[in-house]
Amino acid sequence: MGTLTAIVAGAVTSGLGYALWYRVLPGLASTTAGIAQLSVPVIAVAAGVLALGEPLSLRMLTAGGLVLGGIAVSLLARR
């Protein structure tokens, strides 16, 4: 039963996420959309730490900082 619940919940949340993304995508410049997609792993890790109590490691902090730093460089280069 737990496996079925996980599959259904994952399918529903993924479906809603994709529906939302493709709803707002036409209003975004392609570079903005690409840069926004880079933040998804950082958001997922943050949600795991905050909502599920996953441990936050130095490796996660470093990786998240590098990703966010890359996003910042991309945004500054667009100006």
PDB file of N, CA and C in Angstrom:
ATOM      1  N   MET A   1       0.818  -1.203   0.000  1.00  0.00           N
ATOM      2  CA  MET A   1       0.000   0.000   0.000  1.00  0.00           C
ATOM      3  C   MET A   1       0.862   1.268   0.000  1.00  0.00           C
ATOM      4  N   GLY A   2       1.957   1.231   0.769  1.00  0.00           N
ATOM      5  CA  GLY A   2       2.852   2.382   0.822  1.00  0.00           C
ATOM      6  C   GLY A   2       3.491   2.672  -0.524  1.00  0.00           C
ATOM      7  N   THR A   3       3.858   1.613  -1.240  1.00  0.00           N
ATOM      8  CA  THR A   3       4.468   1.787  -2.567  1.00  0.00           C
ATOM      9  C   THR A   3       3.471   2.421  -3.527  1.00  0.00           C
ATOM     10  N   LEU A   4       2.251   1.961  -3.508  1.00  0.00           N
ATOM     11  CA  LEU A   4       1.215   2.524  -4.376  1.00  0.00           C
ATOM     12  C   LEU A   4       0.972   3.994  -4.050  1.00  0.00           C
ATOM     13  N   THR A   5       0.920   4.317  -2.778  1.00  0.00           N
ATOM     14  CA  THR A   5       0.735   5.713  -2.362  1.00  0.00           C
ATOM     15  C   THR A   5       1.888   6.579  -2.852  1.00  0.00           C
ATOM     16  N   ALA A   6       3.111   6.090  -2.724  1.00  0.00           N
ATOM     17  CA  ALA A   6       4.279   6.845  -3.175  1.00  0.00           C
ATOM     18  C   ALA A   6       4.248   7.070  -4.679  1.00  0.00           C
ATOM     19  N   ILE A   7       3.861   6.046  -5.419  1.00  0.00           N
ATOM     20  CA  ILE A   7       3.803   6.177  -6.879  1.00  0.00           C
ATOM     21  C   ILE A   7       2.744   7.195  -7.291  1.00  0.00           C
ATOM     22  N   VAL A   8       1.563   7.093  -6.694  1.00  0.00           N
ATOM     23  CA  VAL A   8       0.479   8.019  -7.028  1.00  0.00           C
ATOM     24  C   VAL A   8       0.864   9.442  -6.619  1.00  0.00           C
ATOM     25  N   ALA A   9       1.396   9.613  -5.419  1.00  0.00           N
ATOM     26  CA  ALA A   9       1.779  10.945  -4.954  1.00  0.00           C
ATOM     27  C   ALA A   9       2.866  11.534  -5.842  1.00  0.00           C
ATOM     28  N   GLY A  10       3.822  10.736  -6.221  1.00  0.00           N
ATOM     29  CA  GLY A  10       4.887  11.213  -7.105  1.00  0.00           C
ATOM     30  C   GLY A  10       4.359  11.594  -8.470  1.00  0.00           C
ATOM     31  N   ALA A  11       3.462  10.781  -9.004  1.00  0.00           N
ATOM     32  CA  ALA A  11       2.888  11.072 -10.318  1.00  0.00           C
ATOM     33  C   ALA A  11       2.052  12.348 -10.280  1.00  0.00           C
ATOM     34  N   VAL A  12       1.276  12.509  -9.228  1.00  0.00           N
ATOM     35  CA  VAL A  12       0.421  13.699  -9.114  1.00  0.00           C
ATOM     36  C   VAL A  12       1.274  14.951  -8.951  1.00  0.00           C
ATOM     37  N   THR A  13       2.241  14.915  -8.046  1.00  0.00           N
ATOM     38  CA  THR A  13       3.061  16.121  -7.834  1.00  0.00           C
ATOM     39  C   THR A  13       3.916  16.432  -9.055  1.00  0.00           C
ATOM     40  N   SER A  14       4.437  15.412  -9.708  1.00  0.00           N
ATOM     41  CA  SER A  14       5.211  15.652 -10.935  1.00  0.00           C
ATOM     42  C   SER A  14       4.314  16.230 -12.016  1.00  0.00           C
ATOM     43  N   GLY A  15       3.135  15.661 -12.160  1.00  0.00           N
ATOM     44  CA  GLY A  15       2.203  16.166 -13.170  1.00  0.00           C
ATOM     45  C   GLY A  15       1.816  17.610 -12.923  1.00  0.00           C
ATOM     46  N   LEU A  16       1.527  17.943 -11.676  1.00  0.00           N
ATOM     47  CA  LEU A  16       1.178  19.327 -11.344  1.00  0.00           C
ATOM     48  C   LEU A  16       2.360  20.264 -11.563  1.00  0.00           C
ATOM     49  N   GLY A  17       3.549  19.802 -11.205  1.00  0.00           N
ATOM     50  CA  GLY A  17       4.748  20.617 -11.410  1.00  0.00           C
ATOM     51  C   GLY A  17       4.996  20.895 -12.882  1.00  0.00           C
ATOM     52  N   TYR A  18       4.876  19.870 -13.712  1.00  0.00           N
ATOM     53  CA  TYR A  18       5.054  20.059 -15.156  1.00  0.00           C
ATOM     54  C   TYR A  18       3.970  20.946 -15.734  1.00  0.00           C
ATOM     55  N   ALA A  19       2.732  20.770 -15.289  1.00  0.00           N
ATOM     56  CA  ALA A  19       1.644  21.612 -15.787  1.00  0.00           C
ATOM     57  C   ALA A  19       1.900  23.081 -15.454  1.00  0.00           C
ATOM     58  N   LEU A  20       2.334  23.348 -14.235  1.00  0.00           N
ATOM     59  CA  LEU A  20       2.643  24.720 -13.839  1.00  0.00           C
ATOM     60  C   LEU A  20       3.802  25.279 -14.648  1.00  0.00           C
ATOM     61  N   TRP A  21       4.861  24.481 -14.800  1.00  0.00           N
ATOM     62  CA  TRP A  21       6.048  24.926 -15.538  1.00  0.00           C
ATOM     63  C   TRP A  21       5.677  25.292 -16.977  1.00  0.00           C
ATOM     64  N   TYR A  22       4.929  24.420 -17.639  1.00  0.00           N
ATOM     65  CA  TYR A  22       4.591  24.689 -19.031  1.00  0.00           C
ATOM     66  C   TYR A  22       3.542  25.781 -19.175  1.00  0.00           C
ATOM     67  N   ARG A  23       2.867  26.105 -18.089  1.00  0.00           N
ATOM     68  CA  ARG A  23       1.935  27.240 -18.094  1.00  0.00           C
ATOM     69  C   ARG A  23       2.697  28.566 -18.065  1.00  0.00           C
ATOM     70  N   VAL A  24       3.750  28.652 -17.273  1.00  0.00           N
ATOM     71  CA  VAL A  24       4.501  29.907 -17.165  1.00  0.00           C
ATOM     72  C   VAL A  24       5.623  30.016 -18.195  1.00  0.00           C
ATOM     73  N   LEU A  25       6.022  28.907 -18.773  1.00  0.00           N
ATOM     74  CA  LEU A  25       7.144  28.905 -19.708  1.00  0.00           C
ATOM     75  C   LEU A  25       6.991  29.855 -20.889  1.00  0.00           C
ATOM     76  N   PRO A  26       5.832  29.949 -21.525  1.00  0.00           N
ATOM     77  CA  PRO A  26       5.723  30.867 -22.662  1.00  0.00           C
ATOM     78  C   PRO A  26       5.985  32.329 -22.304  1.00  0.00           C
ATOM     79  N   GLY A  27       5.806  32.689 -21.056  1.00  0.00           N
ATOM     80  CA  GLY A  27       6.034  34.072 -20.645  1.00  0.00           C
ATOM     81  C   GLY A  27       7.465  34.381 -20.262  1.00  0.00           C
ATOM     82  N   LEU A  28       8.340  33.382 -20.321  1.00  0.00           N
ATOM     83  CA  LEU A  28       9.734  33.574 -19.929  1.00  0.00           C
ATOM     84  C   LEU A  28      10.647  33.581 -21.142  1.00  0.00           C
ATOM     85  N   ALA A  29      11.679  34.385 -21.058  1.00  0.00           N
ATOM     86  CA  ALA A  29      12.722  34.319 -22.081  1.00  0.00           C
ATOM     87  C   ALA A  29      13.435  32.979 -21.944  1.00  0.00           C
ATOM     88  N   SER A  30      13.967  32.472 -23.028  1.00  0.00           N
ATOM     89  CA  SER A  30      14.594  31.143 -22.989  1.00  0.00           C
ATOM     90  C   SER A  30      15.768  31.098 -22.013  1.00  0.00           C
ATOM     91  N   THR A  31      16.537  32.174 -21.933  1.00  0.00           N
ATOM     92  CA  THR A  31      17.657  32.178 -20.988  1.00  0.00           C
ATOM     93  C   THR A  31      17.158  32.179 -19.545  1.00  0.00           C
ATOM     94  N   THR A  32      16.099  32.925 -19.275  1.00  0.00           N
ATOM     95  CA  THR A  32      15.524  32.954 -17.929  1.00  0.00           C
ATOM     96  C   THR A  32      14.984  31.580 -17.558  1.00  0.00           C
ATOM     97  N   ALA A  33      14.317  30.918 -18.481  1.00  0.00           N
ATOM     98  CA  ALA A  33      13.779  29.582 -18.224  1.00  0.00           C
ATOM     99  C   ALA A  33      14.904  28.593 -17.937  1.00  0.00           C
ATOM    100  N   GLY A  34      15.973  28.664 -18.715  1.00  0.00           N
ATOM    101  CA  GLY A  34      17.104  27.770 -18.493  1.00  0.00           C
ATOM    102  C   GLY A  34      17.762  27.990 -17.152  1.00  0.00           C
ATOM    103  N   ILE A  35      17.935  29.236 -16.799  1.00  0.00           N
ATOM    104  CA  ILE A  35      18.546  29.566 -15.509  1.00  0.00           C
ATOM    105  C   ILE A  35      17.638  29.117 -14.365  1.00  0.00           C
ATOM    106  N   ALA A  36      16.324  29.312 -14.515  1.00  0.00           N
ATOM    107  CA  ALA A  36      15.382  28.902 -13.467  1.00  0.00           C
ATOM    108  C   ALA A  36      15.434  27.394 -13.241  1.00  0.00           C
ATOM    109  N   GLN A  37      15.595  26.625 -14.301  1.00  0.00           N
ATOM    110  CA  GLN A  37      15.642  25.171 -14.154  1.00  0.00           C
ATOM    111  C   GLN A  37      16.867  24.717 -13.373  1.00  0.00           C
ATOM    112  N   LEU A  38      17.917  25.508 -13.387  1.00  0.00           N
ATOM    113  CA  LEU A  38      19.131  25.145 -12.647  1.00  0.00           C
ATOM    114  C   LEU A  38      18.899  25.156 -11.137  1.00  0.00           C
ATOM    115  N   SER A  39      17.896  25.879 -10.690  1.00  0.00           N
ATOM    116  CA  SER A  39      17.641  25.984  -9.249  1.00  0.00           C
ATOM    117  C   SER A  39      16.858  24.793  -8.691  1.00  0.00           C
ATOM    118  N   VAL A  40      16.305  23.960  -9.538  1.00  0.00           N
ATOM    119  CA  VAL A  40      15.449  22.852  -9.074  1.00  0.00           C
ATOM    120  C   VAL A  40      16.161  21.915  -8.100  1.00  0.00           C
ATOM    121  N   PRO A  41      17.397  21.470  -8.365  1.00  0.00           N
ATOM    122  CA  PRO A  41      18.042  20.581  -7.387  1.00  0.00           C
ATOM    123  C   PRO A  41      18.250  21.233  -6.023  1.00  0.00           C
ATOM    124  N   VAL A  42      18.561  22.512  -6.009  1.00  0.00           N
ATOM    125  CA  VAL A  42      18.762  23.217  -4.740  1.00  0.00           C
ATOM    126  C   VAL A  42      17.443  23.302  -3.977  1.00  0.00           C
ATOM    127  N   ILE A  43      16.357  23.577  -4.683  1.00  0.00           N
ATOM    128  CA  ILE A  43      15.039  23.635  -4.055  1.00  0.00           C
ATOM    129  C   ILE A  43      14.661  22.262  -3.500  1.00  0.00           C
ATOM    130  N   ALA A  44      14.947  21.212  -4.251  1.00  0.00           N
ATOM    131  CA  ALA A  44      14.617  19.856  -3.800  1.00  0.00           C
ATOM    132  C   ALA A  44      15.393  19.485  -2.535  1.00  0.00           C
ATOM    133  N   VAL A  45      16.662  19.832  -2.478  1.00  0.00           N
ATOM    134  CA  VAL A  45      17.456  19.542  -1.280  1.00  0.00           C
ATOM    135  C   VAL A  45      16.935  20.343  -0.097  1.00  0.00           C
ATOM    136  N   ALA A  46      16.628  21.623  -0.324  1.00  0.00           N
ATOM    137  CA  ALA A  46      16.098  22.455   0.757  1.00  0.00           C
ATOM    138  C   ALA A  46      14.783  21.893   1.280  1.00  0.00           C
ATOM    139  N   ALA A  47      13.920  21.447   0.381  1.00  0.00           N
ATOM    140  CA  ALA A  47      12.650  20.860   0.805  1.00  0.00           C
ATOM    141  C   ALA A  47      12.872  19.575   1.594  1.00  0.00           C
ATOM    142  N   GLY A  48      13.838  18.774   1.173  1.00  0.00           N
ATOM    143  CA  GLY A  48      14.149  17.548   1.894  1.00  0.00           C
ATOM    144  C   GLY A  48      14.640  17.827   3.301  1.00  0.00           C
ATOM    145  N   VAL A  49      15.471  18.841   3.432  1.00  0.00           N
ATOM    146  CA  VAL A  49      16.005  19.197   4.746  1.00  0.00           C
ATOM    147  C   VAL A  49      14.896  19.766   5.636  1.00  0.00           C
ATOM    148  N   LEU A  50      14.101  20.689   5.083  1.00  0.00           N
ATOM    149  CA  LEU A  50      13.076  21.357   5.884  1.00  0.00           C
ATOM    150  C   LEU A  50      11.858  20.477   6.158  1.00  0.00           C
ATOM    151  N   ALA A  51      11.380  19.776   5.150  1.00  0.00           N
ATOM    152  CA  ALA A  51      10.132  19.032   5.307  1.00  0.00           C
ATOM    153  C   ALA A  51      10.334  17.608   5.822  1.00  0.00           C
ATOM    154  N   LEU A  52      11.456  17.007   5.452  1.00  0.00           N
ATOM    155  CA  LEU A  52      11.661  15.606   5.807  1.00  0.00           C
ATOM    156  C   LEU A  52      12.718  15.392   6.882  1.00  0.00           C
ATOM    157  N   GLY A  53      13.374  16.464   7.278  1.00  0.00           N
ATOM    158  CA  GLY A  53      14.391  16.350   8.313  1.00  0.00           C
ATOM    159  C   GLY A  53      15.657  15.650   7.865  1.00  0.00           C
ATOM    160  N   GLU A  54      15.936  15.678   6.560  1.00  0.00           N
ATOM    161  CA  GLU A  54      17.171  15.068   6.073  1.00  0.00           C
ATOM    162  C   GLU A  54      18.368  15.849   6.613  1.00  0.00           C
ATOM    163  N   PRO A  55      19.457  15.159   6.890  1.00  0.00           N
ATOM    164  CA  PRO A  55      20.629  15.869   7.409  1.00  0.00           C
ATOM    165  C   PRO A  55      21.272  16.738   6.329  1.00  0.00           C
ATOM    166  N   LEU A  56      21.708  17.899   6.733  1.00  0.00           N
ATOM    167  CA  LEU A  56      22.378  18.829   5.824  1.00  0.00           C
ATOM    168  C   LEU A  56      23.874  18.638   5.981  1.00  0.00           C
ATOM    169  N   SER A  57      24.530  18.265   4.894  1.00  0.00           N
ATOM    170  CA  SER A  57      25.961  17.989   4.961  1.00  0.00           C
ATOM    171  C   SER A  57      26.757  19.123   4.323  1.00  0.00           C
ATOM    172  N   LEU A  58      28.036  19.120   4.593  1.00  0.00           N
ATOM    173  CA  LEU A  58      28.928  20.100   3.977  1.00  0.00           C
ATOM    174  C   LEU A  58      28.935  19.935   2.467  1.00  0.00           C
ATOM    175  N   ARG A  59      28.840  18.701   1.999  1.00  0.00           N
ATOM    176  CA  ARG A  59      28.818  18.441   0.555  1.00  0.00           C
ATOM    177  C   ARG A  59      27.586  19.084  -0.084  1.00  0.00           C
ATOM    178  N   MET A  60      26.416  18.953   0.573  1.00  0.00           N
ATOM    179  CA  MET A  60      25.192  19.566   0.039  1.00  0.00           C
ATOM    180  C   MET A  60      25.292  21.084   0.031  1.00  0.00           C
ATOM    181  N   LEU A  61      25.816  21.646   1.110  1.00  0.00           N
ATOM    182  CA  LEU A  61      25.971  23.101   1.175  1.00  0.00           C
ATOM    183  C   LEU A  61      26.926  23.602   0.096  1.00  0.00           C
ATOM    184  N   THR A  62      28.027  22.889  -0.095  1.00  0.00           N
ATOM    185  CA  THR A  62      28.996  23.288  -1.116  1.00  0.00           C
ATOM    186  C   THR A  62      28.390  23.200  -2.508  1.00  0.00           C
ATOM    187  N   ALA A  63      27.729  22.084  -2.798  1.00  0.00           N
ATOM    188  CA  ALA A  63      27.109  21.910  -4.114  1.00  0.00           C
ATOM    189  C   ALA A  63      26.031  22.967  -4.357  1.00  0.00           C
ATOM    190  N   GLY A  64      25.198  23.213  -3.354  1.00  0.00           N
ATOM    191  CA  GLY A  64      24.159  24.227  -3.486  1.00  0.00           C
ATOM    192  C   GLY A  64      24.748  25.614  -3.709  1.00  0.00           C
ATOM    193  N   GLY A  65      25.813  25.914  -2.988  1.00  0.00           N
ATOM    194  CA  GLY A  65      26.485  27.201  -3.174  1.00  0.00           C
ATOM    195  C   GLY A  65      27.065  27.353  -4.564  1.00  0.00           C
ATOM    196  N   LEU A  66      27.643  26.268  -5.082  1.00  0.00           N
ATOM    197  CA  LEU A  66      28.190  26.313  -6.441  1.00  0.00           C
ATOM    198  C   LEU A  66      27.091  26.509  -7.478  1.00  0.00           C
ATOM    199  N   VAL A  67      25.986  25.806  -7.302  1.00  0.00           N
ATOM    200  CA  VAL A  67      24.866  25.952  -8.243  1.00  0.00           C
ATOM    201  C   VAL A  67      24.319  27.371  -8.183  1.00  0.00           C
ATOM    202  N   LEU A  68      24.063  27.872  -6.976  1.00  0.00           N
ATOM    203  CA  LEU A  68      23.535  29.225  -6.836  1.00  0.00           C
ATOM    204  C   LEU A  68      24.535  30.273  -7.327  1.00  0.00           C
ATOM    205  N   GLY A  69      25.824  30.010  -7.112  1.00  0.00           N
ATOM    206  CA  GLY A  69      26.851  30.910  -7.646  1.00  0.00           C
ATOM    207  C   GLY A  69      26.837  30.929  -9.166  1.00  0.00           C
ATOM    208  N   GLY A  70      26.662  29.768  -9.776  1.00  0.00           N
ATOM    209  CA  GLY A  70      26.564  29.700 -11.230  1.00  0.00           C
ATOM    210  C   GLY A  70      25.344  30.431 -11.752  1.00  0.00           C
ATOM    211  N   ILE A  71      24.253  30.310 -11.024  1.00  0.00           N
ATOM    212  CA  ILE A  71      23.041  31.038 -11.410  1.00  0.00           C
ATOM    213  C   ILE A  71      23.287  32.544 -11.324  1.00  0.00           C
ATOM    214  N   ALA A  72      23.951  32.975 -10.262  1.00  0.00           N
ATOM    215  CA  ALA A  72      24.247  34.408 -10.102  1.00  0.00           C
ATOM    216  C   ALA A  72      25.135  34.918 -11.240  1.00  0.00           C
ATOM    217  N   VAL A  73      26.151  34.129 -11.594  1.00  0.00           N
ATOM    218  CA  VAL A  73      27.026  34.529 -12.701  1.00  0.00           C
ATOM    219  C   VAL A  73      26.227  34.617 -13.997  1.00  0.00           C
ATOM    220  N   SER A  74      25.332  33.651 -14.226  1.00  0.00           N
ATOM    221  CA  SER A  74      24.501  33.669 -15.439  1.00  0.00           C
ATOM    222  C   SER A  74      23.595  34.889 -15.468  1.00  0.00           C
ATOM    223  N   LEU A  75      23.009  35.219 -14.339  1.00  0.00           N
ATOM    224  CA  LEU A  75      22.131  36.384 -14.293  1.00  0.00           C
ATOM    225  C   LEU A  75      22.898  37.681 -14.514  1.00  0.00           C
ATOM    226  N   LEU A  76      24.076  37.770 -13.918  1.00  0.00           N
ATOM    227  CA  LEU A  76      24.894  38.976 -14.107  1.00  0.00           C
ATOM    228  C   LEU A  76      25.398  39.091 -15.540  1.00  0.00           C
ATOM    229  N   ALA A  77      25.683  37.961 -16.170  1.00  0.00           N
ATOM    230  CA  ALA A  77      26.174  37.987 -17.554  1.00  0.00           C
ATOM    231  C   ALA A  77      25.073  38.401 -18.522  1.00  0.00           C
ATOM    232  N   ARG A  78      23.828  38.187 -18.155  1.00  0.00           N
ATOM    233  CA  ARG A  78      22.697  38.574 -19.018  1.00  0.00           C
ATOM    234  C   ARG A  78      22.507  40.074 -19.084  1.00  0.00           C
ATOM    235  N   ARG A  79      22.993  40.779 -18.091  1.00  0.00           N
ATOM    236  CA  ARG A  79      22.768  42.243 -18.055  1.00  0.00           C
ATOM    237  C   ARG A  79      23.507  42.943 -19.110  1.00  0.00           C
TER     238      ARG A  79
END
